[in-house]
Amino acid sequence: KSPIPLLIIGGKSGIGKTSLIDYLLNYFPNSFEQPLSYTSREKRNNKDRYIFSSKEEMITMNAKGKFINFDEVYGEYYGILKGTVSEVKHSGKIPIKEIHPDNFWKFRKKELNTICVLIENKHLSKNSTSFVKRDGREYEDLSFEDRDDYDIKMNISSLTIEESANYLLKKILAYRIHTKSY
């Protein structure tokens, strides 16, 4: 009965954000949908759900105010088409999108009723070290992991994608119940 949130998922490269979102979209198609998004990066696989565009075209679209966000991550541009978050919400579904954690603040600033989730994959030990790496990103800046500006931090260490998705759903429900109390 409360407003539908925009669910944004962040974490380091290769941690499993897209796999988690794919799972939720495939197993809960009546509950989740991705807003229409553009990128200038190369297509990684056939399941990529972006509209692939040139950097020049995206810069032009941004100058015309076509995006709710315009992010540069690792030299590539990303943007969610204006109006598509609202369209997903009006359909009764939860809009879900992977966003680099350094850009979460842009969504809070726009007051889109956003839930920010940081996905971590750390050993549950005193030395808590990340162990998932994407090729070519060995020196990725992970300073965002030390911040405390996320609604939910979720450690998916040793969980399957299905377990991670169910864990995320429980954490979102608990978060929504908790925030309604205040």
N, C-alpha and C. Protein backbone atom coordinates (compact mmCIF):
# COMPACT_ATOMS: atom_id res chain seq x y z
N LYS A 1 0.82 -1.21 0.00
CA LYS A 1 0.00 0.00 0.00
C LYS A 1 0.85 1.26 0.00
N SER A 2 2.11 1.15 0.40
CA SER A 2 2.97 2.32 0.40
C SER A 2 3.57 2.50 -1.00
N PRO A 3 4.13 3.68 -1.29
CA PRO A 3 4.68 3.92 -2.64
C PRO A 3 5.72 2.87 -3.03
N ILE A 4 5.72 2.54 -4.30
CA ILE A 4 6.66 1.56 -4.83
C ILE A 4 8.05 2.21 -4.91
N PRO A 5 9.07 1.56 -4.38
CA PRO A 5 10.42 2.14 -4.43
C PRO A 5 11.13 1.81 -5.74
N LEU A 6 12.13 2.61 -6.06
CA LEU A 6 13.10 2.27 -7.09
C LEU A 6 14.21 1.53 -6.37
N LEU A 7 14.48 0.32 -6.77
CA LEU A 7 15.49 -0.50 -6.13
C LEU A 7 16.76 -0.42 -6.94
N ILE A 8 17.82 0.16 -6.36
CA ILE A 8 19.09 0.21 -7.07
C ILE A 8 20.11 -0.65 -6.35
N ILE A 9 20.81 -1.44 -7.15
CA ILE A 9 21.76 -2.42 -6.67
C ILE A 9 23.16 -1.98 -7.10
N GLY A 10 24.09 -1.97 -6.17
CA GLY A 10 25.47 -1.60 -6.49
C GLY A 10 26.45 -2.54 -5.83
N GLY A 11 27.67 -2.47 -6.28
CA GLY A 11 28.74 -3.29 -5.74
C GLY A 11 29.87 -3.29 -6.75
N LYS A 12 30.92 -3.96 -6.40
CA LYS A 12 32.08 -3.95 -7.29
C LYS A 12 31.84 -4.76 -8.56
N SER A 13 32.68 -4.54 -9.52
CA SER A 13 32.58 -5.21 -10.82
C SER A 13 32.67 -6.73 -10.65
N GLY A 14 31.78 -7.44 -11.30
CA GLY A 14 31.82 -8.88 -11.31
C GLY A 14 31.29 -9.55 -10.07
N ILE A 15 30.67 -8.81 -9.17
CA ILE A 15 30.21 -9.39 -7.90
C ILE A 15 28.93 -10.20 -8.06
N GLY A 16 28.16 -9.92 -9.13
CA GLY A 16 26.93 -10.68 -9.35
C GLY A 16 25.67 -9.84 -9.34
N LYS A 17 25.79 -8.53 -9.48
CA LYS A 17 24.62 -7.64 -9.48
C LYS A 17 23.66 -8.02 -10.60
N THR A 18 24.20 -8.16 -11.81
CA THR A 18 23.36 -8.46 -12.96
C THR A 18 22.75 -9.85 -12.84
N SER A 19 23.50 -10.81 -12.33
CA SER A 19 22.96 -12.17 -12.14
C SER A 19 21.82 -12.16 -11.14
N LEU A 20 21.96 -11.37 -10.09
CA LEU A 20 20.91 -11.26 -9.07
C LEU A 20 19.66 -10.61 -9.68
N ILE A 21 19.85 -9.55 -10.43
CA ILE A 21 18.72 -8.88 -11.07
C ILE A 21 18.08 -9.80 -12.11
N ASP A 22 18.88 -10.50 -12.90
CA ASP A 22 18.35 -11.47 -13.87
C ASP A 22 17.45 -12.49 -13.18
N TYR A 23 17.92 -12.99 -12.04
CA TYR A 23 17.13 -13.98 -11.31
C TYR A 23 15.79 -13.39 -10.91
N LEU A 24 15.80 -12.20 -10.32
CA LEU A 24 14.55 -11.57 -9.87
C LEU A 24 13.61 -11.30 -11.05
N LEU A 25 14.15 -10.84 -12.17
CA LEU A 25 13.32 -10.58 -13.35
C LEU A 25 12.73 -11.86 -13.92
N ASN A 26 13.50 -12.94 -13.91
CA ASN A 26 13.03 -14.21 -14.47
C ASN A 26 12.06 -14.95 -13.57
N TYR A 27 12.30 -14.92 -12.26
CA TYR A 27 11.47 -15.70 -11.34
C TYR A 27 10.33 -14.90 -10.72
N PHE A 28 10.38 -13.57 -10.83
CA PHE A 28 9.32 -12.72 -10.31
C PHE A 28 8.95 -11.66 -11.36
N PRO A 29 8.55 -12.11 -12.57
CA PRO A 29 8.29 -11.16 -13.66
C PRO A 29 7.11 -10.23 -13.39
N ASN A 30 6.22 -10.59 -12.50
CA ASN A 30 5.09 -9.73 -12.17
C ASN A 30 5.42 -8.74 -11.07
N SER A 31 6.63 -8.85 -10.50
CA SER A 31 7.02 -7.98 -9.40
C SER A 31 8.13 -6.99 -9.76
N PHE A 32 9.02 -7.37 -10.68
CA PHE A 32 10.18 -6.53 -11.01
C PHE A 32 10.26 -6.26 -12.50
N GLU A 33 10.78 -5.07 -12.82
CA GLU A 33 11.05 -4.73 -14.22
C GLU A 33 12.16 -3.68 -14.24
N GLN A 34 12.99 -3.74 -15.27
CA GLN A 34 14.04 -2.74 -15.40
C GLN A 34 13.55 -1.56 -16.23
N PRO A 35 13.83 -0.34 -15.77
CA PRO A 35 13.52 0.82 -16.61
C PRO A 35 14.45 0.85 -17.80
N LEU A 36 14.00 1.46 -18.88
CA LEU A 36 14.77 1.52 -20.11
C LEU A 36 16.06 2.31 -19.89
N SER A 37 17.19 1.68 -20.20
CA SER A 37 18.50 2.28 -19.93
C SER A 37 19.39 2.22 -21.16
N TYR A 38 20.26 3.21 -21.25
CA TYR A 38 21.22 3.33 -22.34
C TYR A 38 22.64 3.19 -21.79
N THR A 39 23.55 2.73 -22.65
CA THR A 39 24.96 2.71 -22.31
C THR A 39 25.79 2.87 -23.57
N SER A 40 27.00 3.38 -23.37
CA SER A 40 27.94 3.49 -24.48
C SER A 40 28.93 2.33 -24.50
N ARG A 41 28.88 1.46 -23.49
CA ARG A 41 29.83 0.35 -23.43
C ARG A 41 29.48 -0.72 -24.45
N GLU A 42 30.42 -1.61 -24.69
CA GLU A 42 30.21 -2.73 -25.60
C GLU A 42 29.27 -3.75 -24.95
N LYS A 43 28.54 -4.45 -25.77
CA LYS A 43 27.65 -5.51 -25.30
C LYS A 43 28.50 -6.66 -24.76
N ARG A 44 28.16 -7.14 -23.55
CA ARG A 44 28.92 -8.24 -22.94
C ARG A 44 28.36 -9.61 -23.30
N ASN A 45 27.03 -9.68 -23.38
CA ASN A 45 26.40 -10.97 -23.71
C ASN A 45 25.00 -10.71 -24.27
N ASN A 46 24.34 -11.76 -24.68
CA ASN A 46 23.02 -11.62 -25.30
C ASN A 46 21.92 -11.24 -24.32
N LYS A 47 22.21 -11.34 -23.02
CA LYS A 47 21.20 -11.01 -22.03
C LYS A 47 21.27 -9.55 -21.60
N ASP A 48 22.23 -8.79 -22.10
CA ASP A 48 22.33 -7.37 -21.76
C ASP A 48 21.01 -6.66 -22.08
N ARG A 49 20.51 -5.91 -21.12
CA ARG A 49 19.22 -5.24 -21.28
C ARG A 49 19.37 -3.72 -21.48
N TYR A 50 20.40 -3.30 -22.15
CA TYR A 50 20.61 -1.89 -22.44
C TYR A 50 20.29 -1.61 -23.90
N ILE A 51 20.07 -0.33 -24.18
CA ILE A 51 20.10 0.14 -25.56
C ILE A 51 21.52 0.66 -25.74
N PHE A 52 22.23 0.10 -26.68
CA PHE A 52 23.64 0.45 -26.89
C PHE A 52 23.71 1.62 -27.85
N SER A 53 24.47 2.61 -27.44
CA SER A 53 24.53 3.86 -28.18
C SER A 53 25.95 4.40 -28.16
N SER A 54 26.23 5.34 -29.03
CA SER A 54 27.56 5.96 -29.03
C SER A 54 27.64 6.99 -27.89
N LYS A 55 28.85 7.30 -27.50
CA LYS A 55 29.05 8.33 -26.48
C LYS A 55 28.48 9.66 -26.95
N GLU A 56 28.69 9.99 -28.21
CA GLU A 56 28.21 11.25 -28.76
C GLU A 56 26.68 11.34 -28.68
N GLU A 57 26.01 10.25 -29.06
CA GLU A 57 24.55 10.24 -29.02
C GLU A 57 24.05 10.38 -27.58
N MET A 58 24.72 9.72 -26.64
CA MET A 58 24.30 9.81 -25.25
C MET A 58 24.53 11.22 -24.70
N ILE A 59 25.63 11.84 -25.07
CA ILE A 59 25.89 13.23 -24.63
C ILE A 59 24.80 14.15 -25.15
N THR A 60 24.41 13.95 -26.40
CA THR A 60 23.34 14.76 -27.00
C THR A 60 22.02 14.52 -26.28
N MET A 61 21.69 13.26 -26.02
CA MET A 61 20.45 12.93 -25.31
C MET A 61 20.45 13.56 -23.92
N ASN A 62 21.58 13.50 -23.24
CA ASN A 62 21.68 14.08 -21.91
C ASN A 62 21.48 15.60 -21.97
N ALA A 63 22.09 16.25 -22.96
CA ALA A 63 21.94 17.70 -23.11
C ALA A 63 20.48 18.08 -23.35
N LYS A 64 19.71 17.18 -23.96
CA LYS A 64 18.29 17.43 -24.21
C LYS A 64 17.41 17.02 -23.02
N GLY A 65 18.06 16.55 -21.92
CA GLY A 65 17.31 16.19 -20.71
C GLY A 65 16.55 14.88 -20.80
N LYS A 66 17.05 13.94 -21.60
CA LYS A 66 16.36 12.67 -21.81
C LYS A 66 16.54 11.64 -20.68
N PHE A 67 17.56 11.84 -19.83
CA PHE A 67 17.88 10.85 -18.79
C PHE A 67 17.58 11.39 -17.39
N ILE A 68 17.24 10.48 -16.48
CA ILE A 68 17.13 10.90 -15.07
C ILE A 68 18.50 10.89 -14.41
N ASN A 69 19.43 10.16 -14.99
CA ASN A 69 20.82 10.16 -14.52
C ASN A 69 21.72 10.06 -15.74
N PHE A 70 22.90 10.58 -15.59
CA PHE A 70 23.90 10.44 -16.65
C PHE A 70 25.22 10.19 -15.94
N ASP A 71 25.66 8.94 -15.97
CA ASP A 71 26.82 8.52 -15.19
C ASP A 71 27.95 8.10 -16.11
N GLU A 72 29.16 8.42 -15.69
CA GLU A 72 30.34 7.90 -16.36
C GLU A 72 31.02 6.94 -15.40
N VAL A 73 31.16 5.70 -15.84
CA VAL A 73 31.78 4.66 -15.03
C VAL A 73 32.79 3.93 -15.91
N TYR A 74 34.05 3.92 -15.49
CA TYR A 74 35.13 3.27 -16.22
C TYR A 74 35.19 3.73 -17.67
N GLY A 75 34.94 5.03 -17.87
CA GLY A 75 35.06 5.62 -19.20
C GLY A 75 33.86 5.43 -20.11
N GLU A 76 32.81 4.79 -19.62
CA GLU A 76 31.60 4.58 -20.42
C GLU A 76 30.42 5.32 -19.77
N TYR A 77 29.41 5.66 -20.59
CA TYR A 77 28.25 6.39 -20.11
C TYR A 77 27.06 5.46 -19.88
N TYR A 78 26.25 5.84 -18.89
CA TYR A 78 25.05 5.10 -18.55
C TYR A 78 23.94 6.10 -18.24
N GLY A 79 22.71 5.79 -18.62
CA GLY A 79 21.60 6.66 -18.29
C GLY A 79 20.28 5.92 -18.37
N ILE A 80 19.38 6.27 -17.46
CA ILE A 80 18.03 5.71 -17.46
C ILE A 80 17.11 6.73 -18.12
N LEU A 81 16.37 6.30 -19.11
CA LEU A 81 15.48 7.17 -19.86
C LEU A 81 14.39 7.73 -18.94
N LYS A 82 14.20 9.05 -19.00
CA LYS A 82 13.18 9.70 -18.19
C LYS A 82 11.82 9.09 -18.45
N GLY A 83 11.03 9.00 -17.41
CA GLY A 83 9.68 8.49 -17.51
C GLY A 83 9.56 6.99 -17.37
N THR A 84 10.65 6.26 -17.60
CA THR A 84 10.53 4.79 -17.57
C THR A 84 10.43 4.23 -16.15
N VAL A 85 11.01 4.92 -15.17
CA VAL A 85 10.86 4.48 -13.77
C VAL A 85 9.38 4.62 -13.37
N SER A 86 8.78 5.76 -13.72
CA SER A 86 7.37 5.99 -13.42
C SER A 86 6.48 4.98 -14.12
N GLU A 87 6.80 4.67 -15.38
CA GLU A 87 6.01 3.69 -16.13
C GLU A 87 6.02 2.33 -15.44
N VAL A 88 7.20 1.92 -14.97
CA VAL A 88 7.30 0.63 -14.28
C VAL A 88 6.48 0.67 -13.00
N LYS A 89 6.59 1.76 -12.24
CA LYS A 89 5.83 1.88 -10.98
C LYS A 89 4.33 1.87 -11.25
N HIS A 90 3.89 2.57 -12.30
CA HIS A 90 2.46 2.61 -12.64
C HIS A 90 1.93 1.24 -13.04
N SER A 91 2.81 0.37 -13.52
CA SER A 91 2.38 -0.99 -13.87
C SER A 91 2.26 -1.86 -12.61
N GLY A 92 2.65 -1.31 -11.46
CA GLY A 92 2.57 -2.06 -10.20
C GLY A 92 3.82 -2.85 -9.89
N LYS A 93 4.84 -2.72 -10.73
CA LYS A 93 6.08 -3.46 -10.51
C LYS A 93 7.13 -2.57 -9.85
N ILE A 94 8.13 -3.22 -9.29
CA ILE A 94 9.25 -2.52 -8.67
C ILE A 94 10.33 -2.33 -9.72
N PRO A 95 10.69 -1.06 -10.02
CA PRO A 95 11.81 -0.85 -10.95
C PRO A 95 13.12 -1.22 -10.25
N ILE A 96 13.95 -1.96 -10.94
CA ILE A 96 15.22 -2.43 -10.37
C ILE A 96 16.34 -2.16 -11.38
N LYS A 97 17.46 -1.66 -10.88
CA LYS A 97 18.55 -1.29 -11.78
C LYS A 97 19.87 -1.38 -11.06
N GLU A 98 20.92 -1.85 -11.77
CA GLU A 98 22.27 -1.83 -11.21
C GLU A 98 22.89 -0.48 -11.51
N ILE A 99 23.45 0.13 -10.49
CA ILE A 99 24.06 1.46 -10.59
C ILE A 99 25.36 1.42 -9.80
N HIS A 100 26.39 2.08 -10.30
CA HIS A 100 27.64 2.14 -9.54
C HIS A 100 27.38 2.89 -8.23
N PRO A 101 27.85 2.37 -7.10
CA PRO A 101 27.58 3.00 -5.80
C PRO A 101 27.99 4.47 -5.70
N ASP A 102 28.99 4.89 -6.46
CA ASP A 102 29.38 6.30 -6.43
C ASP A 102 28.28 7.21 -6.97
N ASN A 103 27.28 6.63 -7.64
CA ASN A 103 26.21 7.43 -8.24
C ASN A 103 24.86 7.28 -7.55
N PHE A 104 24.82 6.55 -6.44
CA PHE A 104 23.57 6.38 -5.71
C PHE A 104 22.98 7.73 -5.30
N TRP A 105 23.81 8.67 -4.87
CA TRP A 105 23.35 9.96 -4.35
C TRP A 105 22.47 10.70 -5.36
N LYS A 106 22.70 10.49 -6.64
CA LYS A 106 21.91 11.17 -7.66
C LYS A 106 20.44 10.79 -7.57
N PHE A 107 20.18 9.56 -7.19
CA PHE A 107 18.80 9.08 -7.12
C PHE A 107 18.12 9.57 -5.85
N ARG A 108 18.85 9.66 -4.77
CA ARG A 108 18.29 10.20 -3.53
C ARG A 108 17.95 11.67 -3.71
N LYS A 109 18.82 12.38 -4.41
CA LYS A 109 18.63 13.80 -4.65
C LYS A 109 17.34 14.05 -5.43
N LYS A 110 16.97 13.14 -6.30
CA LYS A 110 15.77 13.30 -7.12
C LYS A 110 14.51 12.84 -6.39
N GLU A 111 14.66 12.35 -5.18
CA GLU A 111 13.53 11.91 -4.36
C GLU A 111 12.62 10.94 -5.11
N LEU A 112 13.20 9.86 -5.57
CA LEU A 112 12.45 8.86 -6.31
C LEU A 112 12.01 7.68 -5.44
N ASN A 113 11.99 7.89 -4.11
CA ASN A 113 11.65 6.81 -3.19
C ASN A 113 12.53 5.59 -3.49
N THR A 114 13.82 5.79 -3.31
CA THR A 114 14.83 4.81 -3.69
C THR A 114 15.30 4.00 -2.50
N ILE A 115 15.50 2.71 -2.72
CA ILE A 115 16.18 1.85 -1.76
C ILE A 115 17.52 1.49 -2.37
N CYS A 116 18.60 1.87 -1.69
CA CYS A 116 19.96 1.63 -2.17
C CYS A 116 20.53 0.39 -1.50
N VAL A 117 20.96 -0.57 -2.30
CA VAL A 117 21.49 -1.84 -1.79
C VAL A 117 22.93 -2.01 -2.26
N LEU A 118 23.83 -2.18 -1.30
CA LEU A 118 25.22 -2.48 -1.63
C LEU A 118 25.43 -3.98 -1.47
N ILE A 119 25.84 -4.63 -2.55
CA ILE A 119 26.13 -6.06 -2.53
C ILE A 119 27.61 -6.23 -2.24
N GLU A 120 27.92 -7.04 -1.25
CA GLU A 120 29.30 -7.36 -0.92
C GLU A 120 29.48 -8.87 -0.99
N ASN A 121 30.68 -9.29 -1.24
CA ASN A 121 31.00 -10.70 -1.26
C ASN A 121 32.29 -10.86 -0.49
N LYS A 122 32.15 -11.00 0.80
CA LYS A 122 33.30 -11.03 1.69
C LYS A 122 33.26 -12.28 2.55
N HIS A 123 34.45 -12.73 2.88
CA HIS A 123 34.54 -13.83 3.83
C HIS A 123 34.06 -13.33 5.18
N LEU A 124 33.32 -14.14 5.86
CA LEU A 124 32.85 -13.74 7.18
C LEU A 124 33.93 -14.04 8.23
N SER A 125 34.98 -13.27 8.18
CA SER A 125 36.08 -13.44 9.12
C SER A 125 36.58 -12.08 9.52
N LYS A 126 37.47 -12.05 10.47
CA LYS A 126 38.02 -10.78 10.95
C LYS A 126 38.73 -10.03 9.83
N ASN A 127 39.37 -10.75 8.92
CA ASN A 127 40.11 -10.12 7.83
C ASN A 127 39.25 -9.83 6.61
N SER A 128 37.98 -10.12 6.66
CA SER A 128 36.98 -9.82 5.64
C SER A 128 37.56 -9.25 4.34
N THR A 129 37.90 -10.13 3.42
CA THR A 129 38.47 -9.67 2.14
C THR A 129 37.58 -10.07 0.98
N SER A 130 37.43 -9.16 0.05
CA SER A 130 36.65 -9.47 -1.15
C SER A 130 37.40 -10.51 -1.98
N PHE A 131 36.68 -11.40 -2.64
CA PHE A 131 37.38 -12.41 -3.42
C PHE A 131 36.85 -12.58 -4.83
N VAL A 132 35.95 -11.74 -5.26
CA VAL A 132 35.47 -11.79 -6.64
C VAL A 132 36.12 -10.64 -7.40
N LYS A 133 36.71 -10.94 -8.54
CA LYS A 133 37.37 -9.90 -9.34
C LYS A 133 36.92 -10.04 -10.79
N ARG A 134 36.65 -8.93 -11.45
CA ARG A 134 36.38 -8.94 -12.88
C ARG A 134 37.70 -8.66 -13.58
N ASP A 135 37.98 -9.40 -14.62
CA ASP A 135 39.22 -9.21 -15.38
C ASP A 135 39.35 -7.75 -15.82
N GLY A 136 40.54 -7.22 -15.67
CA GLY A 136 40.82 -5.85 -16.07
C GLY A 136 40.46 -4.82 -15.02
N ARG A 137 39.90 -5.25 -13.90
CA ARG A 137 39.50 -4.31 -12.86
C ARG A 137 40.19 -4.65 -11.53
N GLU A 138 41.40 -5.16 -11.63
CA GLU A 138 42.13 -5.56 -10.43
C GLU A 138 42.39 -4.39 -9.50
N TYR A 139 42.44 -3.19 -10.05
CA TYR A 139 42.73 -2.01 -9.24
C TYR A 139 41.50 -1.13 -9.07
N GLU A 140 40.33 -1.74 -9.09
CA GLU A 140 39.09 -1.01 -8.93
C GLU A 140 39.07 -0.29 -7.59
N ASP A 141 38.60 0.96 -7.60
CA ASP A 141 38.47 1.74 -6.37
C ASP A 141 37.26 1.20 -5.60
N LEU A 142 37.52 0.61 -4.45
CA LEU A 142 36.45 0.02 -3.64
C LEU A 142 36.15 0.86 -2.41
N SER A 143 36.52 2.13 -2.42
CA SER A 143 36.29 2.98 -1.25
C SER A 143 34.81 3.08 -0.89
N PHE A 144 33.92 2.84 -1.88
CA PHE A 144 32.49 2.90 -1.59
C PHE A 144 32.07 1.83 -0.58
N GLU A 145 32.82 0.75 -0.48
CA GLU A 145 32.47 -0.31 0.47
C GLU A 145 32.60 0.15 1.92
N ASP A 146 33.42 1.16 2.16
CA ASP A 146 33.63 1.65 3.52
C ASP A 146 32.61 2.70 3.95
N ARG A 147 31.82 3.20 3.01
CA ARG A 147 30.82 4.21 3.36
C ARG A 147 29.64 3.55 4.04
N ASP A 148 28.86 4.38 4.69
CA ASP A 148 27.68 3.87 5.38
C ASP A 148 26.44 4.62 4.91
N ASP A 149 26.35 4.88 3.60
CA ASP A 149 25.22 5.64 3.08
C ASP A 149 24.27 4.78 2.23
N TYR A 150 24.15 3.52 2.59
CA TYR A 150 23.26 2.61 1.88
C TYR A 150 22.12 2.22 2.81
N ASP A 151 20.97 1.96 2.23
CA ASP A 151 19.84 1.51 3.04
C ASP A 151 20.06 0.07 3.50
N ILE A 152 20.64 -0.73 2.60
CA ILE A 152 20.87 -2.14 2.90
C ILE A 152 22.26 -2.51 2.42
N LYS A 153 23.03 -3.16 3.29
CA LYS A 153 24.30 -3.77 2.89
C LYS A 153 24.09 -5.27 3.00
N MET A 154 24.47 -5.99 1.97
CA MET A 154 24.17 -7.41 1.93
C MET A 154 25.39 -8.21 1.52
N ASN A 155 25.84 -9.08 2.40
CA ASN A 155 26.98 -9.94 2.12
C ASN A 155 26.46 -11.25 1.52
N ILE A 156 26.83 -11.52 0.27
CA ILE A 156 26.34 -12.73 -0.41
C ILE A 156 27.38 -13.84 -0.44
N SER A 157 28.40 -13.74 0.41
CA SER A 157 29.45 -14.75 0.45
C SER A 157 28.85 -16.14 0.63
N SER A 158 29.25 -17.05 -0.21
CA SER A 158 28.87 -18.47 -0.19
C SER A 158 27.38 -18.72 -0.45
N LEU A 159 26.65 -17.72 -0.94
CA LEU A 159 25.25 -17.92 -1.28
C LEU A 159 25.10 -18.15 -2.78
N THR A 160 24.14 -18.98 -3.16
CA THR A 160 23.81 -19.14 -4.57
C THR A 160 23.03 -17.91 -5.02
N ILE A 161 22.80 -17.78 -6.30
CA ILE A 161 22.01 -16.66 -6.81
C ILE A 161 20.60 -16.72 -6.22
N GLU A 162 20.00 -17.90 -6.19
CA GLU A 162 18.66 -18.06 -5.62
C GLU A 162 18.64 -17.65 -4.15
N GLU A 163 19.61 -18.10 -3.38
CA GLU A 163 19.68 -17.73 -1.96
C GLU A 163 19.90 -16.23 -1.80
N SER A 164 20.73 -15.65 -2.65
CA SER A 164 20.98 -14.20 -2.60
C SER A 164 19.69 -13.43 -2.89
N ALA A 165 18.94 -13.87 -3.90
CA ALA A 165 17.69 -13.20 -4.26
C ALA A 165 16.69 -13.27 -3.11
N ASN A 166 16.54 -14.44 -2.52
CA ASN A 166 15.61 -14.59 -1.40
C ASN A 166 16.05 -13.77 -0.19
N TYR A 167 17.35 -13.72 0.05
CA TYR A 167 17.91 -12.92 1.13
C TYR A 167 17.62 -11.44 0.88
N LEU A 168 17.80 -10.99 -0.36
CA LEU A 168 17.53 -9.61 -0.71
C LEU A 168 16.05 -9.28 -0.49
N LEU A 169 15.16 -10.15 -0.92
CA LEU A 169 13.73 -9.91 -0.74
C LEU A 169 13.38 -9.78 0.74
N LYS A 170 13.95 -10.62 1.58
CA LYS A 170 13.72 -10.53 3.02
C LYS A 170 14.25 -9.22 3.59
N LYS A 171 15.44 -8.81 3.14
CA LYS A 171 16.04 -7.57 3.63
C LYS A 171 15.21 -6.36 3.20
N ILE A 172 14.70 -6.38 1.98
CA ILE A 172 13.86 -5.27 1.51
C ILE A 172 12.58 -5.19 2.33
N LEU A 173 11.94 -6.34 2.55
CA LEU A 173 10.71 -6.37 3.35
C LEU A 173 10.98 -5.84 4.76
N ALA A 174 12.05 -6.31 5.38
CA ALA A 174 12.39 -5.84 6.73
C ALA A 174 12.66 -4.34 6.73
N TYR A 175 13.35 -3.86 5.71
CA TYR A 175 13.64 -2.43 5.60
C TYR A 175 12.35 -1.62 5.47
N ARG A 176 11.46 -2.07 4.60
CA ARG A 176 10.19 -1.35 4.40
C ARG A 176 9.34 -1.34 5.66
N ILE A 177 9.30 -2.46 6.37
CA ILE A 177 8.54 -2.52 7.63
C ILE A 177 9.16 -1.58 8.66
N HIS A 178 10.48 -1.61 8.75
CA HIS A 178 11.20 -0.76 9.71
C HIS A 178 10.97 0.73 9.42
N THR A 179 11.07 1.14 8.17
CA THR A 179 10.95 2.56 7.85
C THR A 179 9.51 3.06 8.01
N LYS A 180 8.52 2.18 7.89
CA LYS A 180 7.14 2.58 8.12
C LYS A 180 6.89 2.93 9.58
N SER A 181 7.70 2.36 10.47
CA SER A 181 7.53 2.59 11.91
C SER A 181 8.00 3.97 12.33
N TYR A 182 8.76 4.64 11.48
CA TYR A 182 9.35 5.93 11.87
C TYR A 182 8.87 7.06 11.01
